[in-house]
C-alpha atoms as a PDB file:
ATOM      1  CA  MET A   1      11.768   8.412  15.579  1.00  0.00           C
ATOM      2  CA  SER A   2      10.308  10.867  18.035  1.00  0.00           C
ATOM      3  CA  LEU A   3       8.321  14.005  17.243  1.00  0.00           C
ATOM      4  CA  GLU A   4       7.416  16.321  20.107  1.00  0.00           C
ATOM      5  CA  GLN A   5       5.929  19.718  19.887  1.00  0.00           C
ATOM      6  CA  LYS A   6       7.452  22.322  22.044  1.00  0.00           C
ATOM      7  CA  SER A   7       6.809  25.834  21.741  1.00  0.00           C
ATOM      8  CA  GLY A   8       6.038  25.306  18.096  1.00  0.00           C
ATOM      9  CA  THR A   9       9.007  23.249  17.184  1.00  0.00           C
ATOM     10  CA  MET A  10       9.263  19.555  16.324  1.00  0.00           C
ATOM     11  CA  LEU A  11      12.094  17.467  17.425  1.00  0.00           C
ATOM     12  CA  SER A  12      12.804  13.983  15.834  1.00  0.00           C
ATOM     13  CA  SER A  13      14.541  10.674  16.496  1.00  0.00           C
ATOM     14  CA  GLY A  14      13.838   7.024  15.991  1.00  0.00           C
ATOM     15  CA  PHE A  15      14.608   3.529  14.697  1.00  0.00           C
ATOM     16  CA  PRO A  16      14.864   2.220  10.902  1.00  0.00           C
ATOM     17  CA  ILE A  17      12.708  -0.002   9.088  1.00  0.00           C
ATOM     18  CA  GLU A  18      13.048  -1.911   5.976  1.00  0.00           C
ATOM     19  CA  MET A  19      11.470  -0.692   2.672  1.00  0.00           C
ATOM     20  CA  PRO A  20       7.732  -1.734   2.871  1.00  0.00           C
ATOM     21  CA  VAL A  21       7.000  -4.235   0.135  1.00  0.00           C
ATOM     22  CA  LEU A  22       4.464  -2.018  -1.878  1.00  0.00           C
ATOM     23  CA  SER A  23       6.511   0.994  -1.527  1.00  0.00           C
ATOM     24  CA  ARG A  24       9.180  -0.367  -3.967  1.00  0.00           C
ATOM     25  CA  ALA A  25       8.884   1.391  -7.343  1.00  0.00           C
ATOM     26  CA  ALA A  26      11.335   1.708 -10.162  1.00  0.00           C
ATOM     27  CA  ALA A  27       9.204   3.194 -12.981  1.00  0.00           C
ATOM     28  CA  ASP A  28       9.537   6.958 -13.928  1.00  0.00           C
ATOM     29  CA  ARG A  29       5.929   8.484 -13.084  1.00  0.00           C
ATOM     30  CA  SER A  30       6.705  12.006 -14.135  1.00  0.00           C
ATOM     31  CA  GLU A  31       3.736  14.150 -15.123  1.00  0.00           C
ATOM     32  CA  ASP A  32       5.596  15.173 -18.168  1.00  0.00           C
ATOM     33  CA  LEU A  33       5.510  11.682 -19.549  1.00  0.00           C
ATOM     34  CA  ARG A  34       1.622  11.906 -19.981  1.00  0.00           C
ATOM     35  CA  ASP A  35       1.658  14.340 -22.717  1.00  0.00           C
ATOM     36  CA  PRO A  36      -0.519  12.913 -25.452  1.00  0.00           C
ATOM     37  CA  VAL A  37       1.979  13.665 -28.244  1.00  0.00           C
ATOM     38  CA  ARG A  38       4.665  11.817 -26.238  1.00  0.00           C
ATOM     39  CA  THR A  39       2.364   8.833 -25.318  1.00  0.00           C
ATOM     40  CA  ALA A  40       1.120   8.422 -28.949  1.00  0.00           C
ATOM     41  CA  ALA A  41       4.811   8.191 -30.176  1.00  0.00           C
ATOM     42  CA  ALA A  42       5.794   5.688 -27.638  1.00  0.00           C
ATOM     43  CA  TRP A  43       2.508   3.390 -27.954  1.00  0.00           C
ATOM     44  CA  PRO A  44       3.918   1.022 -30.584  1.00  0.00           C
ATOM     45  CA  THR A  45       6.610  -0.104 -28.254  1.00  0.00           C
ATOM     46  CA  ALA A  46       4.486  -0.014 -25.036  1.00  0.00           C
ATOM     47  CA  ARG A  47       3.222  -2.966 -22.908  1.00  0.00           C
ATOM     48  CA  VAL A  48      -0.049  -3.222 -21.235  1.00  0.00           C
ATOM     49  CA  LEU A  49      -1.319  -5.051 -17.980  1.00  0.00           C
ATOM     50  CA  THR A  50      -4.908  -6.085 -17.735  1.00  0.00           C
ATOM     51  CA  VAL A  51      -6.487  -5.770 -14.204  1.00  0.00           C
ATOM     52  CA  ASP A  52      -9.973  -7.016 -13.131  1.00  0.00           C
ATOM     53  CA  GLU A  53     -12.463  -5.876 -10.817  1.00  0.00           C
ATOM     54  CA  ALA A  54     -11.113  -7.933  -8.115  1.00  0.00           C
ATOM     55  CA  GLY A  55      -7.737  -6.527  -8.567  1.00  0.00           C
ATOM     56  CA  ARG A  56      -6.390  -9.714 -10.145  1.00  0.00           C
ATOM     57  CA  VAL A  57      -3.719  -9.722 -12.804  1.00  0.00           C
ATOM     58  CA  PRO A  58      -2.236 -12.480 -15.036  1.00  0.00           C
ATOM     59  CA  ILE A  59       1.126 -13.816 -13.496  1.00  0.00           C
ATOM     60  CA  ASP A  60       3.849 -15.684 -15.076  1.00  0.00           C
ATOM     61  CA  SER A  61       6.138 -18.019 -13.354  1.00  0.00           C
ATOM     62  CA  THR A  62      10.056 -17.632 -13.743  1.00  0.00           C
ATOM     63  CA  ASP A  63      13.155 -19.085 -12.712  1.00  0.00           C
ATOM     64  CA  THR A  64      13.411 -16.922  -9.739  1.00  0.00           C
ATOM     65  CA  GLY A  65       9.785 -16.360  -8.737  1.00  0.00           C
ATOM     66  CA  VAL A  66       6.895 -14.629 -10.616  1.00  0.00           C
ATOM     67  CA  SER A  67       6.433 -11.688 -12.917  1.00  0.00           C
ATOM     68  CA  LEU A  68       3.430  -9.632 -14.321  1.00  0.00           C
ATOM     69  CA  SER A  69       1.917 -11.025 -17.675  1.00  0.00           C
ATOM     70  CA  HIS A  70       1.656  -8.072 -20.048  1.00  0.00           C
ATOM     71  CA  HIS A  71       1.145  -7.928 -23.754  1.00  0.00           C
ATOM     72  CA  PRO A  72       1.905  -5.488 -26.618  1.00  0.00           C
ATOM     73  CA  ALA A  73       0.002  -2.244 -26.550  1.00  0.00           C
ATOM     74  CA  THR A  74      -0.642  -2.514 -30.222  1.00  0.00           C
ATOM     75  CA  ASP A  75      -2.935  -5.495 -29.462  1.00  0.00           C
ATOM     76  CA  LEU A  76      -5.462  -2.813 -28.291  1.00  0.00           C
ATOM     77  CA  GLY A  77      -5.208  -0.763 -31.408  1.00  0.00           C
ATOM     78  CA  ALA A  78      -3.048   1.953 -32.906  1.00  0.00           C
ATOM     79  CA  ALA A  79      -3.389   4.422 -30.009  1.00  0.00           C
ATOM     80  CA  PRO A  80      -4.095   4.102 -26.198  1.00  0.00           C
ATOM     81  CA  PRO A  81      -7.913   3.372 -25.395  1.00  0.00           C
ATOM     82  CA  PRO A  82      -9.706   5.893 -23.360  1.00  0.00           C
ATOM     83  CA  GLU A  83      -9.696   3.745 -20.155  1.00  0.00           C
ATOM     84  CA  ALA A  84      -5.965   3.043 -20.339  1.00  0.00           C
ATOM     85  CA  VAL A  85      -3.770   4.489 -17.451  1.00  0.00           C
ATOM     86  CA  LEU A  86      -0.070   5.162 -17.946  1.00  0.00           C
ATOM     87  CA  LEU A  87       1.726   3.507 -15.082  1.00  0.00           C
ATOM     88  CA  GLY A  88       5.214   5.004 -15.988  1.00  0.00           C
ATOM     89  CA  THR A  89       8.283   4.350 -18.029  1.00  0.00           C
ATOM     90  CA  VAL A  90      10.763   1.657 -17.346  1.00  0.00           C
ATOM     91  CA  ALA A  91      14.030   1.015 -19.071  1.00  0.00           C
ATOM     92  CA  PRO A  92      14.478  -2.831 -18.927  1.00  0.00           C
ATOM     93  CA  VAL A  93      17.951  -4.241 -18.953  1.00  0.00           C
ATOM     94  CA  GLY A  94      18.993  -5.003 -22.631  1.00  0.00           C
ATOM     95  CA  SER A  95      16.380  -2.893 -24.171  1.00  0.00           C
ATOM     96  CA  GLU A  96      16.845  -0.110 -26.777  1.00  0.00           C
ATOM     97  CA  GLY A  97      15.119   2.528 -24.747  1.00  0.00           C
ATOM     98  CA  PRO A  98      12.564   3.182 -21.958  1.00  0.00           C
ATOM     99  CA  ILE A  99       9.265   1.332 -22.475  1.00  0.00           C
ATOM    100  CA  ASP A 100       5.837   2.779 -21.455  1.00  0.00           C
ATOM    101  CA  TYR A 101       3.836   0.561 -19.192  1.00  0.00           C
ATOM    102  CA  TRP A 102      -0.154   0.917 -19.213  1.00  0.00           C
ATOM    103  CA  ALA A 103      -2.939  -0.760 -17.478  1.00  0.00           C
ATOM    104  CA  ILE A 104      -6.435  -1.411 -18.554  1.00  0.00           C
ATOM    105  CA  PRO A 105      -9.547  -2.805 -16.842  1.00  0.00           C
ATOM    106  CA  GLY A 106     -10.923  -6.023 -18.195  1.00  0.00           C
ATOM    107  CA  GLU A 107     -11.405  -9.764 -17.712  1.00  0.00           C
ATOM    108  CA  VAL A 108      -8.600 -12.141 -16.698  1.00  0.00           C
ATOM    109  CA  ALA A 109      -8.505 -16.058 -17.162  1.00  0.00           C
ATOM    110  CA  VAL A 110      -9.095 -17.700 -13.868  1.00  0.00           C
ATOM    111  CA  GLY A 111      -6.868 -20.567 -13.379  1.00  0.00           C
ATOM    112  CA  GLY A 112      -5.299 -22.661 -10.479  1.00  0.00           C
ATOM    113  CA  GLU A 113      -3.610 -21.671  -7.266  1.00  0.00           C
ATOM    114  CA  LEU A 114      -0.683 -19.297  -7.301  1.00  0.00           C
ATOM    115  CA  TRP A 115       1.856 -21.790  -7.533  1.00  0.00           C
ATOM    116  CA  SER A 116       0.060 -23.890 -10.268  1.00  0.00           C
ATOM    117  CA  PHE A 117       0.890 -21.781 -13.343  1.00  0.00           C
ATOM    118  CA  GLY A 118       1.059 -24.506 -15.851  1.00  0.00           C
ATOM    119  CA  THR A 119       1.246 -23.268 -19.451  1.00  0.00           C
ATOM    120  CA  SER A 120      -1.054 -20.422 -19.135  1.00  0.00           C
ATOM    121  CA  PRO A 121      -0.937 -17.265 -16.802  1.00  0.00           C
ATOM    122  CA  ASP A 122      -3.066 -17.536 -13.736  1.00  0.00           C
ATOM    123  CA  PRO A 123      -4.271 -14.236 -12.101  1.00  0.00           C
ATOM    124  CA  SER A 124      -3.358 -13.196  -8.544  1.00  0.00           C
ATOM    125  CA  THR A 125      -4.175 -10.305  -6.379  1.00  0.00           C
ATOM    126  CA  LEU A 126      -1.743  -7.699  -4.992  1.00  0.00           C
ATOM    127  CA  ARG A 127      -2.127  -9.151  -1.454  1.00  0.00           C
ATOM    128  CA  GLU A 128      -1.175 -12.579  -2.734  1.00  0.00           C
ATOM    129  CA  VAL A 129       1.701 -11.729  -5.032  1.00  0.00           C
ATOM    130  CA  GLY A 130       3.049  -8.304  -4.234  1.00  0.00           C
ATOM    131  CA  GLY A 131       5.903  -9.599  -2.046  1.00  0.00           C
ATOM    132  CA  LEU A 132       6.948 -12.139  -4.793  1.00  0.00           C
ATOM    133  CA  LEU A 133       7.270  -9.399  -7.500  1.00  0.00           C
ATOM    134  CA  SER A 134      10.425  -7.334  -8.535  1.00  0.00           C
ATOM    135  CA  ASP A 135      10.560  -3.801  -7.369  1.00  0.00           C
ATOM    136  CA  THR A 136       9.385  -2.722 -10.945  1.00  0.00           C
ATOM    137  CA  ASP A 137       6.583  -5.133 -11.033  1.00  0.00           C
ATOM    138  CA  ALA A 138       5.442  -4.350  -7.515  1.00  0.00           C
ATOM    139  CA  GLY A 139       5.319  -0.517  -8.114  1.00  0.00           C
ATOM    140  CA  LEU A 140       3.378  -1.134 -11.515  1.00  0.00           C
ATOM    141  CA  MET A 141       0.842  -3.395 -10.060  1.00  0.00           C
ATOM    142  CA  THR A 142       0.221  -1.178  -7.042  1.00  0.00           C
ATOM    143  CA  ALA A 143      -0.201   1.874  -9.250  1.00  0.00           C
ATOM    144  CA  ALA A 144      -2.465  -0.151 -11.610  1.00  0.00           C
ATOM    145  CA  VAL A 145      -4.808  -1.489  -8.826  1.00  0.00           C
ATOM    146  CA  ALA A 146      -4.939   1.927  -7.182  1.00  0.00           C
ATOM    147  CA  VAL A 147      -5.851   4.167 -10.043  1.00  0.00           C
ATOM    148  CA  LEU A 148      -8.077   1.670 -11.955  1.00  0.00           C
ATOM    149  CA  ASN A 149     -10.174   1.278  -8.573  1.00  0.00           C
ATOM    150  CA  TRP A 150     -10.563   4.945  -8.470  1.00  0.00           C
ATOM    151  CA  HIS A 151     -11.864   5.280 -11.978  1.00  0.00           C
ATOM    152  CA  ARG A 152     -14.127   2.327 -11.423  1.00  0.00           C
ATOM    153  CA  ASN A 153     -15.771   4.218  -8.421  1.00  0.00           C
ATOM    154  CA  GLY A 154     -15.502   7.892  -9.569  1.00  0.00           C
ATOM    155  CA  ARG A 155     -17.344   7.946 -13.023  1.00  0.00           C
ATOM    156  CA  PHE A 156     -19.403  10.893 -12.131  1.00  0.00           C
ATOM    157  CA  CYS A 157     -18.217  14.398 -11.062  1.00  0.00           C
ATOM    158  CA  PRO A 158     -18.431  15.048  -7.104  1.00  0.00           C
ATOM    159  CA  ARG A 159     -19.267  18.609  -7.851  1.00  0.00           C
ATOM    160  CA  CYS A 160     -22.104  18.524 -10.463  1.00  0.00           C
ATOM    161  CA  GLY A 161     -22.945  14.971 -10.835  1.00  0.00           C
ATOM    162  CA  GLU A 162     -22.418  14.822 -14.526  1.00  0.00           C
ATOM    163  CA  PRO A 163     -20.543  11.923 -16.139  1.00  0.00           C
ATOM    164  CA  SER A 164     -16.728  12.356 -16.324  1.00  0.00           C
ATOM    165  CA  ALA A 165     -14.159  11.005 -18.786  1.00  0.00           C
ATOM    166  CA  PRO A 166     -10.429  10.067 -18.188  1.00  0.00           C
ATOM    167  CA  ARG A 167      -7.640  12.497 -19.285  1.00  0.00           C
ATOM    168  CA  SER A 168      -4.011  13.015 -18.795  1.00  0.00           C
ATOM    169  CA  ALA A 169      -3.253   9.419 -19.569  1.00  0.00           C
ATOM    170  CA  GLY A 170      -5.724   8.189 -16.828  1.00  0.00           C
ATOM    171  CA  TRP A 171      -4.568  10.364 -14.078  1.00  0.00           C
ATOM    172  CA  SER A 172      -7.391  12.636 -13.883  1.00  0.00           C
ATOM    173  CA  ARG A 173     -11.122  12.913 -14.967  1.00  0.00           C
ATOM    174  CA  LEU A 174     -13.042  15.802 -16.559  1.00  0.00           C
ATOM    175  CA  CYS A 175     -16.776  16.439 -16.674  1.00  0.00           C
ATOM    176  CA  PRO A 176     -18.709  18.511 -19.338  1.00  0.00           C
ATOM    177  CA  ASN A 177     -18.654  21.612 -16.915  1.00  0.00           C
ATOM    178  CA  GLY A 178     -14.753  21.549 -16.848  1.00  0.00           C
ATOM    179  CA  HIS A 179     -14.461  20.167 -13.273  1.00  0.00           C
ATOM    180  CA  GLU A 180     -11.391  18.135 -13.036  1.00  0.00           C
ATOM    181  CA  GLU A 181     -10.744  15.471 -10.489  1.00  0.00           C
ATOM    182  CA  PHE A 182      -7.570  13.630  -9.498  1.00  0.00           C
ATOM    183  CA  PRO A 183      -7.093  10.045  -7.950  1.00  0.00           C
ATOM    184  CA  ARG A 184      -7.977  10.123  -4.288  1.00  0.00           C
ATOM    185  CA  THR A 185      -5.595   8.757  -1.483  1.00  0.00           C
ATOM    186  CA  ASP A 186      -6.926   8.548   2.125  1.00  0.00           C
ATOM    187  CA  PRO A 187      -4.155   8.965   4.573  1.00  0.00           C
ATOM    188  CA  ALA A 188      -4.145   6.679   7.610  1.00  0.00           C
ATOM    189  CA  VAL A 189      -1.650   6.201  10.437  1.00  0.00           C
ATOM    190  CA  ILE A 190      -0.242   2.992  11.635  1.00  0.00           C
ATOM    191  CA  VAL A 191       1.553   3.044  14.928  1.00  0.00           C
ATOM    192  CA  LEU A 192       3.706   0.858  16.953  1.00  0.00           C
ATOM    193  CA  VAL A 193       3.219   1.770  20.630  1.00  0.00           C
ATOM    194  CA  HIS A 194       6.234   0.715  22.746  1.00  0.00           C
ATOM    195  CA  ASP A 195       7.149   1.522  26.410  1.00  0.00           C
ATOM    196  CA  GLY A 196      10.567   2.893  25.780  1.00  0.00           C
ATOM    197  CA  ALA A 197      12.121  -0.287  26.947  1.00  0.00           C
ATOM    198  CA  ASP A 198      11.303  -3.878  25.842  1.00  0.00           C
ATOM    199  CA  LYS A 199       7.644  -3.970  25.501  1.00  0.00           C
ATOM    200  CA  MET A 200       5.225  -3.103  22.695  1.00  0.00           C
ATOM    201  CA  VAL A 201       1.499  -3.321  22.137  1.00  0.00           C
ATOM    202  CA  LEU A 202      -0.066  -5.785  19.933  1.00  0.00           C
ATOM    203  CA  ALA A 203      -3.813  -5.767  19.348  1.00  0.00           C
ATOM    204  CA  ARG A 204      -6.430  -7.587  17.320  1.00  0.00           C
ATOM    205  CA  GLN A 205      -9.700  -6.835  15.651  1.00  0.00           C
ATOM    206  CA  PRO A 206     -12.767  -8.999  15.867  1.00  0.00           C
ATOM    207  CA  SER A 207     -12.936  -9.632  12.106  1.00  0.00           C
ATOM    208  CA  TRP A 208      -9.266 -11.124  11.971  1.00  0.00           C
ATOM    209  CA  PRO A 209      -8.434 -14.753  11.830  1.00  0.00           C
ATOM    210  CA  SER A 210      -7.810 -16.449  15.382  1.00  0.00           C
ATOM    211  CA  GLY A 211      -4.569 -15.412  16.679  1.00  0.00           C
ATOM    212  CA  ARG A 212      -3.795 -12.544  14.332  1.00  0.00           C
ATOM    213  CA  VAL A 213      -2.453  -9.429  16.028  1.00  0.00           C
ATOM    214  CA  SER A 214      -0.972  -6.181  14.777  1.00  0.00           C
ATOM    215  CA  VAL A 215      -0.084  -2.586  15.611  1.00  0.00           C
ATOM    216  CA  LEU A 216      -2.868   0.042  15.802  1.00  0.00           C
ATOM    217  CA  ALA A 217      -3.954   2.052  12.970  1.00  0.00           C
ATOM    218  CA  GLY A 218      -6.678   4.553  12.009  1.00  0.00           C
ATOM    219  CA  PHE A 219      -7.630   7.055   9.309  1.00  0.00           C
ATOM    220  CA  THR A 220      -6.834  10.814   9.380  1.00  0.00           C
ATOM    221  CA  GLU A 221      -9.833  13.010   9.756  1.00  0.00           C
ATOM    222  CA  ALA A 222     -10.451  16.337   7.848  1.00  0.00           C
ATOM    223  CA  GLY A 223      -8.455  19.149   9.356  1.00  0.00           C
ATOM    224  CA  GLU A 224      -6.249  16.645  11.417  1.00  0.00           C
ATOM    225  CA  ALA A 225      -2.490  16.474  11.315  1.00  0.00           C
ATOM    226  CA  LEU A 226      -0.947  12.968  11.183  1.00  0.00           C
ATOM    227  CA  GLU A 227       0.562  13.332  14.643  1.00  0.00           C
ATOM    228  CA  GLY A 228      -2.747  14.409  15.915  1.00  0.00           C
ATOM    229  CA  THR A 229      -4.382  11.168  14.454  1.00  0.00           C
ATOM    230  CA  VAL A 230      -1.811   9.098  16.143  1.00  0.00           C
ATOM    231  CA  THR A 231      -2.707  10.777  19.655  1.00  0.00           C
ATOM    232  CA  ARG A 232      -6.286  10.517  18.923  1.00  0.00           C
ATOM    233  CA  GLU A 233      -6.406   6.779  17.588  1.00  0.00           C
ATOM    234  CA  ILE A 234      -4.231   5.386  20.321  1.00  0.00           C
ATOM    235  CA  ALA A 235      -6.303   7.021  23.178  1.00  0.00           C
ATOM    236  CA  GLU A 236      -9.647   5.971  21.265  1.00  0.00           C
ATOM    237  CA  GLU A 237      -8.571   2.116  20.547  1.00  0.00           C
ATOM    238  CA  VAL A 238      -6.518   1.144  23.707  1.00  0.00           C
ATOM    239  CA  GLY A 239      -6.887   4.346  26.189  1.00  0.00           C
ATOM    240  CA  LEU A 240      -3.145   5.055  26.155  1.00  0.00           C
ATOM    241  CA  HIS A 241      -1.740   8.597  26.063  1.00  0.00           C
ATOM    242  CA  VAL A 242       1.309   8.770  23.961  1.00  0.00           C
ATOM    243  CA  THR A 243       4.447  10.981  23.477  1.00  0.00           C
ATOM    244  CA  ASP A 244       7.482  10.847  21.402  1.00  0.00           C
ATOM    245  CA  ILE A 245       5.548  10.452  18.094  1.00  0.00           C
ATOM    246  CA  GLY A 246       7.903   9.774  15.230  1.00  0.00           C
ATOM    247  CA  TYR A 247       7.747   8.838  11.540  1.00  0.00           C
ATOM    248  CA  LEU A 248       8.984   5.499  10.508  1.00  0.00           C
ATOM    249  CA  GLY A 249       7.790   5.052   6.696  1.00  0.00           C
ATOM    250  CA  SER A 250       4.841   4.956   4.645  1.00  0.00           C
ATOM    251  CA  GLN A 251       3.289   2.252   2.081  1.00  0.00           C
ATOM    252  CA  PRO A 252       0.476   2.560  -0.412  1.00  0.00           C
ATOM    253  CA  TRP A 253      -2.369   0.276   0.433  1.00  0.00           C
ATOM    254  CA  PRO A 254      -4.837   0.388  -2.454  1.00  0.00           C
ATOM    255  CA  PHE A 255      -7.524  -1.574  -0.734  1.00  0.00           C
ATOM    256  CA  PRO A 256      -9.187   0.510  -1.855  1.00  0.00           C
ATOM    257  CA  ARG A 257      -7.245   3.718  -1.676  1.00  0.00           C
ATOM    258  CA  SER A 258      -5.144   4.238   1.608  1.00  0.00           C
ATOM    259  CA  LEU A 259      -1.784   5.372   2.220  1.00  0.00           C
ATOM    260  CA  MET A 260      -0.409   3.937   5.498  1.00  0.00           C
ATOM    261  CA  VAL A 261       1.811   6.319   7.368  1.00  0.00           C
ATOM    262  CA  GLY A 262       3.914   4.533   9.991  1.00  0.00           C
ATOM    263  CA  PHE A 263       4.924   5.983  13.200  1.00  0.00           C
ATOM    264  CA  ALA A 264       6.253   4.934  16.520  1.00  0.00           C
ATOM    265  CA  ALA A 265       4.968   6.364  19.820  1.00  0.00           C
ATOM    266  CA  ARG A 266       5.795   5.855  23.600  1.00  0.00           C
ATOM    267  CA  ALA A 267       3.406   5.201  26.438  1.00  0.00           C
ATOM    268  CA  GLU A 268       4.449   4.909  30.015  1.00  0.00           C
ATOM    269  CA  PRO A 269       5.552   1.498  31.243  1.00  0.00           C
ATOM    270  CA  GLY A 270       3.048  -0.655  32.593  1.00  0.00           C
ATOM    271  CA  SER A 271       0.033   1.396  31.334  1.00  0.00           C
ATOM    272  CA  LEU A 272      -3.086  -0.449  31.459  1.00  0.00           C
ATOM    273  CA  LEU A 273      -4.944  -1.127  27.981  1.00  0.00           C
ATOM    274  CA  PHE A 274      -8.459  -0.497  27.481  1.00  0.00           C
ATOM    275  CA  PRO A 275      -9.600  -1.992  24.093  1.00  0.00           C
ATOM    276  CA  ARG A 276     -12.350  -0.093  22.507  1.00  0.00           C
ATOM    277  CA  ASP A 277     -15.480  -2.118  22.337  1.00  0.00           C
ATOM    278  CA  GLY A 278     -16.447  -3.155  18.925  1.00  0.00           C
ATOM    279  CA  GLU A 279     -13.229  -2.140  17.186  1.00  0.00           C
ATOM    280  CA  ILE A 280     -10.378  -3.837  19.328  1.00  0.00           C
ATOM    281  CA  GLU A 281     -11.081  -7.356  20.576  1.00  0.00           C
ATOM    282  CA  ALA A 282      -8.005  -7.542  22.675  1.00  0.00           C
ATOM    283  CA  ALA A 283      -4.746  -5.873  23.326  1.00  0.00           C
ATOM    284  CA  GLN A 284      -1.542  -6.700  25.205  1.00  0.00           C
ATOM    285  CA  TRP A 285       1.931  -5.668  26.080  1.00  0.00           C
ATOM    286  CA  VAL A 286       4.280  -8.062  24.380  1.00  0.00           C
ATOM    287  CA  ASP A 287       8.054  -8.248  25.236  1.00  0.00           C
ATOM    288  CA  ARG A 288      10.872  -8.105  22.730  1.00  0.00           C
ATOM    289  CA  ALA A 289      11.885 -11.620  23.348  1.00  0.00           C
ATOM    290  CA  ALA A 290       8.337 -12.926  22.473  1.00  0.00           C
ATOM    291  CA  VAL A 291       8.260 -10.784  19.310  1.00  0.00           C
ATOM    292  CA  ARG A 292      11.643 -12.211  18.376  1.00  0.00           C
ATOM    293  CA  ARG A 293      10.313 -15.699  18.870  1.00  0.00           C
ATOM    294  CA  MET A 294       7.423 -15.083  16.426  1.00  0.00           C
ATOM    295  CA  LEU A 295       9.698 -13.670  13.746  1.00  0.00           C
ATOM    296  CA  ALA A 296      12.279 -16.557  14.056  1.00  0.00           C
ATOM    297  CA  ASN A 297       9.326 -18.787  13.685  1.00  0.00           C
ATOM    298  CA  GLY A 298       8.003 -17.224  10.363  1.00  0.00           C
ATOM    299  CA  GLY A 299       5.598 -14.734  12.208  1.00  0.00           C
ATOM    300  CA  GLU A 300       3.765 -17.157  14.658  1.00  0.00           C
ATOM    301  CA  SER A 301       4.428 -18.279  18.288  1.00  0.00           C
ATOM    302  CA  ASP A 302       2.884 -18.311  21.746  1.00  0.00           C
ATOM    303  CA  GLY A 303      -0.567 -18.434  20.032  1.00  0.00           C
ATOM    304  CA  LEU A 304      -0.083 -15.079  18.116  1.00  0.00           C
ATOM    305  CA  ILE A 305       0.311 -14.463  14.368  1.00  0.00           C
ATOM    306  CA  LEU A 306       1.969 -11.409  13.185  1.00  0.00           C
ATOM    307  CA  PRO A 307       0.891  -9.292  10.061  1.00  0.00           C
ATOM    308  CA  PRO A 308       2.092 -10.839   6.684  1.00  0.00           C
ATOM    309  CA  GLY A 309       5.229  -9.652   5.094  1.00  0.00           C
ATOM    310  CA  ILE A 310       3.357  -7.440   2.488  1.00  0.00           C
ATOM    311  CA  SER A 311       2.281  -5.096   5.074  1.00  0.00           C
ATOM    312  CA  ILE A 312       4.152  -2.038   6.473  1.00  0.00           C
ATOM    313  CA  ALA A 313       3.111  -3.395   9.962  1.00  0.00           C
ATOM    314  CA  ARG A 314       5.442  -6.375   9.575  1.00  0.00           C
ATOM    315  CA  ARG A 315       8.340  -4.007   8.854  1.00  0.00           C
ATOM    316  CA  MET A 316       7.818  -1.942  11.752  1.00  0.00           C
ATOM    317  CA  VAL A 317       7.426  -4.917  14.156  1.00  0.00           C
ATOM    318  CA  GLU A 318      10.742  -6.246  12.690  1.00  0.00           C
ATOM    319  CA  GLY A 319      12.495  -2.810  12.886  1.00  0.00           C
ATOM    320  CA  TRP A 320      11.554  -2.559  16.719  1.00  0.00           C
ATOM    321  CA  ALA A 321      12.478  -6.231  17.425  1.00  0.00           C
ATOM    322  CA  ALA A 322      16.079  -5.559  16.036  1.00  0.00           C
ATOM    323  CA  LEU A 323      16.703  -2.813  18.451  1.00  0.00           C
ATOM    324  CA  ASP A 324      19.169  -3.602  21.327  1.00  0.00           C
END
């Protein structure tokens, strides 16, 4: 998908990618559902998910994979506790009606490895289990981790410094001076740079495991458009001037509070790469045949390892590799 600015207009074209894993969601998250009268009435049939400070939740094994382990809301009392967050409403198959799903912070039992469930639920993080969950569970867990992280780190009003308290079923905080704050999301771009033919750029950060490579990414700065972030970040990280910037898709990435916005961008064939010292350890042009070998081999070949399937980066690489 290309985006070019010409005399104030924007043109677009591009290539498709599959829905990123953490973008899947099947719950109704309408603001109207957070009305306190409605949530109180729905509480007796609601379900609650517990999330600890590490972002782990109890997980159950099923015949087809794994699922979130939640418990009846009434276990917590006759009404939602102040720290509870309404994740959304779901109408499960065979149920008599929609069910509210909530999340609360708390301790979860630490058991064995992901696949060693035994008779008790074992906790897992979103990175580990997100790709194994259903669309509904993946969306619920992503929202739970994101919003509870925000509450955990935003207990004081950023305007006056007074302690604040949750309101609107956990989707805002209000301080004694009437200042209301809402969950923060930091936009970041993630960019697949290609040459318009059969090569793309793969790079690695110094902190990554040996062999791990990915596409390029960076945070949007204040007062900056997403397209501007793409141009600036690619120039900073590998010294390339890019054109034909185009939107591919987006994915929440609550580690701790990002929204990854995916783009493709074109650089001139054969352009030299200049990795930014301290940020990019190495960068290289890789042809489509090599990328396809990696994908056919589970994401690893020729000494390179692609991003895991839970990331939008993997979906972007797969989409580009599928082009003729």
